[in-house]
């Protein structure tokens, strides 16, 4: 099954749409990026390495396993645990901001 594209055709974009974000939105995006990067840096080394190779380098699990000298199953576990930890930490920070 092919992944569905999330991009809209140029003809479907409203004419009045401004492609550049507002200064407030840009500041919020920079703050969010900083929070996510700090959370990634706090991951255990093995989890962070596997996650970065998967997401940033767009490598397959078998390629990551070869680089990290571990099995595909170990790669899957590391990435899964990294995502769970990031989700938990980021949700905790979001709750703290809202209170």
Protein backbone atom coordinates (compact mmCIF):
# COMPACT_ATOMS: atom_id res chain seq x y z
CA UNK A 1 0.00 0.00 0.00
CA UNK A 2 1.38 3.36 -0.97
CA UNK A 3 1.50 6.16 1.55
CA UNK A 4 -0.96 8.93 0.87
CA UNK A 5 0.59 12.29 0.32
CA UNK A 6 -0.24 15.05 2.76
CA UNK A 7 0.63 17.82 0.38
CA UNK A 8 -2.02 19.88 -1.34
CA UNK A 9 -1.76 20.76 -4.99
CA UNK A 10 -0.82 24.37 -5.65
CA UNK A 11 -4.21 24.91 -7.26
CA UNK A 12 -5.91 23.86 -3.99
CA UNK A 13 -4.14 26.43 -1.80
CA UNK A 14 -6.28 29.51 -1.14
CA UNK A 15 -5.00 32.61 -2.91
CA UNK A 16 -4.75 34.66 0.28
CA UNK A 17 -2.61 32.07 2.07
CA UNK A 18 0.62 33.55 3.40
CA UNK A 19 3.42 30.93 3.19
CA UNK A 20 5.48 32.63 5.88
CA UNK A 21 4.43 32.14 9.50
CA UNK A 22 3.61 35.05 11.74
CA UNK A 23 6.38 36.21 14.10
CA UNK A 24 4.46 34.73 17.04
CA UNK A 25 4.11 31.38 15.27
CA UNK A 26 7.78 31.38 14.27
CA UNK A 27 8.81 32.05 17.89
CA UNK A 28 6.52 29.26 19.11
CA UNK A 29 7.98 26.86 16.52
CA UNK A 30 11.55 27.72 17.62
CA UNK A 31 10.63 27.14 21.26
CA UNK A 32 8.99 23.81 20.44
CA UNK A 33 12.04 22.73 18.44
CA UNK A 34 14.35 23.62 21.33
CA UNK A 35 12.23 21.60 23.78
CA UNK A 36 12.17 18.57 21.47
CA UNK A 37 15.93 18.75 20.84
CA UNK A 38 16.65 18.88 24.58
CA UNK A 39 14.36 15.90 25.14
CA UNK A 40 16.18 13.96 22.41
CA UNK A 41 19.54 14.82 23.98
CA UNK A 42 18.34 13.36 27.29
CA UNK A 43 17.59 9.96 25.73
CA UNK A 44 20.01 7.13 26.51
CA UNK A 45 22.77 7.00 23.87
CA UNK A 46 21.59 3.75 22.27
CA UNK A 47 18.02 4.98 21.92
CA UNK A 48 19.07 8.40 20.63
CA UNK A 49 21.43 6.91 18.04
CA UNK A 50 18.80 4.51 16.70
CA UNK A 51 16.09 7.18 16.61
CA UNK A 52 18.27 9.74 14.82
CA UNK A 53 19.39 7.19 12.23
CA UNK A 54 15.78 6.23 11.63
CA UNK A 55 14.18 9.66 11.54
CA UNK A 56 16.92 12.04 10.44
CA UNK A 57 18.90 9.75 8.16
CA UNK A 58 15.79 7.81 7.00
CA UNK A 59 17.57 4.47 7.26
CA UNK A 60 15.87 1.07 7.40
CA UNK A 61 16.08 -1.02 10.56
CA UNK A 62 18.51 -3.49 8.98
CA UNK A 63 20.83 -0.64 8.00
CA UNK A 64 20.66 0.82 11.51
CA UNK A 65 21.40 -2.62 12.96
CA UNK A 66 24.49 -2.92 10.79
CA UNK A 67 25.72 0.51 11.86
CA UNK A 68 25.04 -0.07 15.56
CA UNK A 69 26.14 -3.73 15.48
CA UNK A 70 22.87 -5.06 16.84
CA UNK A 71 19.89 -7.05 15.63
CA UNK A 72 16.87 -5.60 13.85
CA UNK A 73 14.79 -6.56 16.90
CA UNK A 74 17.11 -4.53 19.14
CA UNK A 75 16.81 -1.54 16.79
CA UNK A 76 13.00 -1.77 16.90
CA UNK A 77 13.03 -1.90 20.70
CA UNK A 78 15.42 1.06 20.99
CA UNK A 79 13.36 3.23 18.64
CA UNK A 80 10.10 2.23 20.30
CA UNK A 81 11.42 3.04 23.76
CA UNK A 82 12.87 6.34 22.56
CA UNK A 83 9.52 7.37 21.10
CA UNK A 84 7.67 6.38 24.26
CA UNK A 85 10.09 8.33 26.44
CA UNK A 86 9.89 11.40 24.21
CA UNK A 87 6.11 11.25 24.13
CA UNK A 88 5.91 10.96 27.89
CA UNK A 89 8.36 13.78 28.51
CA UNK A 90 6.83 16.14 25.97
CA UNK A 91 3.29 15.50 27.21
CA UNK A 92 4.49 16.20 30.75
CA UNK A 93 5.98 19.50 29.67
CA UNK A 94 2.82 20.41 27.77
CA UNK A 95 0.73 19.80 30.90
CA UNK A 96 3.12 21.99 32.90
CA UNK A 97 2.75 24.84 30.38
CA UNK A 98 -1.04 24.70 30.56
CA UNK A 99 -1.19 24.97 34.35
